Amino acid sequence: MATTKKDQKKEDPCWNGYEQVGTKKKGDKTVPNCVPENKADAKK
């Protein structure tokens, strides 16, 4: 069964090797703030 883009957004909004650290505004939209995993560890 093929997954759709909607299904992927529900699971994890970030690419492999990135993790979500809150959200940010991009224009009029609120989007996930995805950062590389090694930088996210340094911010915690």
PDB file of N, CA and C in Angstrom:
ATOM      1  N   MET A   1       0.833  -1.182   0.000  1.00  0.00           N
ATOM      2  CA  MET A   1       0.000   0.000   0.000  1.00  0.00           C
ATOM      3  C   MET A   1       0.883   1.253   0.000  1.00  0.00           C
ATOM      4  N   ALA A   2       0.632   2.141  -0.899  1.00  0.00           N
ATOM      5  CA  ALA A   2       1.426   3.367  -1.010  1.00  0.00           C
ATOM      6  C   ALA A   2       0.951   4.376   0.021  1.00  0.00           C
ATOM      7  N   THR A   3       1.897   5.100   0.598  1.00  0.00           N
ATOM      8  CA  THR A   3       1.530   6.144   1.559  1.00  0.00           C
ATOM      9  C   THR A   3       1.404   7.470   0.835  1.00  0.00           C
ATOM     10  N   THR A   4       0.510   8.278   1.304  1.00  0.00           N
ATOM     11  CA  THR A   4       0.323   9.596   0.707  1.00  0.00           C
ATOM     12  C   THR A   4       1.083  10.626   1.523  1.00  0.00           C
ATOM     13  N   LYS A   5       1.177  11.835   1.003  1.00  0.00           N
ATOM     14  CA  LYS A   5       1.876  12.902   1.727  1.00  0.00           C
ATOM     15  C   LYS A   5       1.174  13.204   3.043  1.00  0.00           C
ATOM     16  N   LYS A   6      -0.151  13.108   3.081  1.00  0.00           N
ATOM     17  CA  LYS A   6      -0.885  13.358   4.323  1.00  0.00           C
ATOM     18  C   LYS A   6      -0.494  12.349   5.387  1.00  0.00           C
ATOM     19  N   ASP A   7      -0.351  11.064   4.999  1.00  0.00           N
ATOM     20  CA  ASP A   7       0.035  10.024   5.955  1.00  0.00           C
ATOM     21  C   ASP A   7       1.422  10.299   6.517  1.00  0.00           C
ATOM     22  N   GLN A   8       2.342  10.747   5.690  1.00  0.00           N
ATOM     23  CA  GLN A   8       3.700  11.009   6.143  1.00  0.00           C
ATOM     24  C   GLN A   8       3.731  12.175   7.125  1.00  0.00           C
ATOM     25  N   LYS A   9       2.923  13.195   6.915  1.00  0.00           N
ATOM     26  CA  LYS A   9       2.908  14.352   7.809  1.00  0.00           C
ATOM     27  C   LYS A   9       2.427  13.965   9.201  1.00  0.00           C
ATOM     28  N   LYS A  10       1.491  13.020   9.296  1.00  0.00           N
ATOM     29  CA  LYS A  10       0.964  12.617  10.586  1.00  0.00           C
ATOM     30  C   LYS A  10       2.031  11.902  11.403  1.00  0.00           C
ATOM     31  N   GLU A  11       2.875  11.122  10.749  1.00  0.00           N
ATOM     32  CA  GLU A  11       3.886  10.348  11.458  1.00  0.00           C
ATOM     33  C   GLU A  11       5.041  11.222  11.930  1.00  0.00           C
ATOM     34  N   ASP A  12       5.765  11.836  11.020  1.00  0.00           N
ATOM     35  CA  ASP A  12       6.922  12.653  11.358  1.00  0.00           C
ATOM     36  C   ASP A  12       7.095  13.713  10.282  1.00  0.00           C
ATOM     37  N   PRO A  13       6.997  14.980  10.639  1.00  0.00           N
ATOM     38  CA  PRO A  13       7.054  16.034   9.633  1.00  0.00           C
ATOM     39  C   PRO A  13       8.465  16.314   9.110  1.00  0.00           C
ATOM     40  N   CYS A  14       9.497  15.724   9.734  1.00  0.00           N
ATOM     41  CA  CYS A  14      10.876  16.040   9.374  1.00  0.00           C
ATOM     42  C   CYS A  14      11.529  14.922   8.567  1.00  0.00           C
ATOM     43  N   TRP A  15      12.582  15.275   7.833  1.00  0.00           N
ATOM     44  CA  TRP A  15      13.347  14.303   7.068  1.00  0.00           C
ATOM     45  C   TRP A  15      14.128  13.384   7.998  1.00  0.00           C
ATOM     46  N   ASN A  16      14.668  12.290   7.426  1.00  0.00           N
ATOM     47  CA  ASN A  16      15.535  11.410   8.205  1.00  0.00           C
ATOM     48  C   ASN A  16      16.766  12.187   8.639  1.00  0.00           C
ATOM     49  N   GLY A  17      17.176  12.004   9.887  1.00  0.00           N
ATOM     50  CA  GLY A  17      18.336  12.713  10.410  1.00  0.00           C
ATOM     51  C   GLY A  17      17.992  14.068  11.006  1.00  0.00           C
ATOM     52  N   TYR A  18      16.710  14.451  10.969  1.00  0.00           N
ATOM     53  CA  TYR A  18      16.248  15.714  11.533  1.00  0.00           C
ATOM     54  C   TYR A  18      15.159  15.422  12.555  1.00  0.00           C
ATOM     55  N   GLU A  19      15.024  16.295  13.535  1.00  0.00           N
ATOM     56  CA  GLU A  19      13.929  16.150  14.481  1.00  0.00           C
ATOM     57  C   GLU A  19      13.268  17.489  14.715  1.00  0.00           C
ATOM     58  N   GLN A  20      11.998  17.445  15.111  1.00  0.00           N
ATOM     59  CA  GLN A  20      11.230  18.663  15.310  1.00  0.00           C
ATOM     60  C   GLN A  20      11.532  19.265  16.672  1.00  0.00           C
ATOM     61  N   VAL A  21      11.830  20.566  16.661  1.00  0.00           N
ATOM     62  CA  VAL A  21      12.062  21.309  17.895  1.00  0.00           C
ATOM     63  C   VAL A  21      11.102  22.493  17.848  1.00  0.00           C
ATOM     64  N   GLY A  22       9.853  22.253  18.188  1.00  0.00           N
ATOM     65  CA  GLY A  22       8.851  23.311  18.178  1.00  0.00           C
ATOM     66  C   GLY A  22       8.345  23.630  16.781  1.00  0.00           C
ATOM     67  N   THR A  23       7.781  24.817  16.639  1.00  0.00           N
ATOM     68  CA  THR A  23       7.256  25.279  15.359  1.00  0.00           C
ATOM     69  C   THR A  23       7.751  26.695  15.091  1.00  0.00           C
ATOM     70  N   LYS A  24       7.576  27.124  13.844  1.00  0.00           N
ATOM     71  CA  LYS A  24       7.963  28.484  13.473  1.00  0.00           C
ATOM     72  C   LYS A  24       6.977  29.011  12.448  1.00  0.00           C
ATOM     73  N   LYS A  25       6.923  30.326  12.280  1.00  0.00           N
ATOM     74  CA  LYS A  25       6.055  30.948  11.297  1.00  0.00           C
ATOM     75  C   LYS A  25       6.805  31.075   9.985  1.00  0.00           C
ATOM     76  N   LYS A  26       6.168  30.668   8.907  1.00  0.00           N
ATOM     77  CA  LYS A  26       6.728  30.832   7.568  1.00  0.00           C
ATOM     78  C   LYS A  26       5.628  31.482   6.735  1.00  0.00           C
ATOM     79  N   GLY A  27       5.745  32.781   6.571  1.00  0.00           N
ATOM     80  CA  GLY A  27       4.660  33.517   5.930  1.00  0.00           C
ATOM     81  C   GLY A  27       3.466  33.549   6.869  1.00  0.00           C
ATOM     82  N   ASP A  28       2.323  33.083   6.388  1.00  0.00           N
ATOM     83  CA  ASP A  28       1.115  33.044   7.210  1.00  0.00           C
ATOM     84  C   ASP A  28       0.893  31.681   7.855  1.00  0.00           C
ATOM     85  N   LYS A  29       1.780  30.720   7.607  1.00  0.00           N
ATOM     86  CA  LYS A  29       1.600  29.359   8.097  1.00  0.00           C
ATOM     87  C   LYS A  29       2.519  29.070   9.278  1.00  0.00           C
ATOM     88  N   THR A  30       2.086  28.170  10.147  1.00  0.00           N
ATOM     89  CA  THR A  30       2.929  27.651  11.215  1.00  0.00           C
ATOM     90  C   THR A  30       3.430  26.295  10.752  1.00  0.00           C
ATOM     91  N   VAL A  31       4.748  26.133  10.708  1.00  0.00           N
ATOM     92  CA  VAL A  31       5.354  24.901  10.198  1.00  0.00           C
ATOM     93  C   VAL A  31       6.290  24.316  11.254  1.00  0.00           C
ATOM     94  N   PRO A  32       6.570  23.001  11.175  1.00  0.00           N
ATOM     95  CA  PRO A  32       7.493  22.409  12.140  1.00  0.00           C
ATOM     96  C   PRO A  32       8.901  22.963  11.954  1.00  0.00           C
ATOM     97  N   ASN A  33       9.612  23.152  13.065  1.00  0.00           N
ATOM     98  CA  ASN A  33      10.994  23.613  13.028  1.00  0.00           C
ATOM     99  C   ASN A  33      11.890  22.375  13.103  1.00  0.00           C
ATOM    100  N   CYS A  34      12.349  21.897  11.963  1.00  0.00           N
ATOM    101  CA  CYS A  34      13.167  20.688  11.890  1.00  0.00           C
ATOM    102  C   CYS A  34      14.644  21.074  11.864  1.00  0.00           C
ATOM    103  N   VAL A  35      15.420  20.504  12.777  1.00  0.00           N
ATOM    104  CA  VAL A  35      16.849  20.775  12.863  1.00  0.00           C
ATOM    105  C   VAL A  35      17.600  19.452  12.822  1.00  0.00           C
ATOM    106  N   PRO A  36      18.849  19.463  12.366  1.00  0.00           N
ATOM    107  CA  PRO A  36      19.638  18.225  12.392  1.00  0.00           C
ATOM    108  C   PRO A  36      19.707  17.676  13.812  1.00  0.00           C
ATOM    109  N   GLU A  37      19.654  16.344  13.950  1.00  0.00           N
ATOM    110  CA  GLU A  37      19.600  15.726  15.273  1.00  0.00           C
ATOM    111  C   GLU A  37      20.760  16.130  16.168  1.00  0.00           C
ATOM    112  N   ASN A  38      21.977  16.268  15.630  1.00  0.00           N
ATOM    113  CA  ASN A  38      23.112  16.628  16.487  1.00  0.00           C
ATOM    114  C   ASN A  38      22.994  18.056  17.020  1.00  0.00           C
ATOM    115  N   LYS A  39      22.395  18.972  16.277  1.00  0.00           N
ATOM    116  CA  LYS A  39      22.197  20.342  16.764  1.00  0.00           C
ATOM    117  C   LYS A  39      21.058  20.408  17.760  1.00  0.00           C
ATOM    118  N   ALA A  40      20.050  19.558  17.598  1.00  0.00           N
ATOM    119  CA  ALA A  40      18.931  19.544  18.534  1.00  0.00           C
ATOM    120  C   ALA A  40      19.400  19.077  19.908  1.00  0.00           C
ATOM    121  N   ASP A  41      20.339  18.142  19.958  1.00  0.00           N
ATOM    122  CA  ASP A  41      20.885  17.663  21.238  1.00  0.00           C
ATOM    123  C   ASP A  41      21.622  18.779  21.955  1.00  0.00           C
ATOM    124  N   ALA A  42      22.323  19.634  21.230  1.00  0.00           N
ATOM    125  CA  ALA A  42      23.095  20.712  21.825  1.00  0.00           C
ATOM    126  C   ALA A  42      22.173  21.780  22.435  1.00  0.00           C
ATOM    127  N   LYS A  43      20.971  21.949  21.893  1.00  0.00           N
ATOM    128  CA  LYS A  43      20.043  22.971  22.378  1.00  0.00           C
ATOM    129  C   LYS A  43      19.268  22.526  23.609  1.00  0.00           C
ATOM    130  N   LYS A  44      19.241  21.245  23.913  1.00  0.00           N
ATOM    131  CA  LYS A  44      18.443  20.734  25.036  1.00  0.00           C
ATOM    132  C   LYS A  44      19.065  20.991  26.360  1.00  0.00           C
TER     133      LYS A  44
END
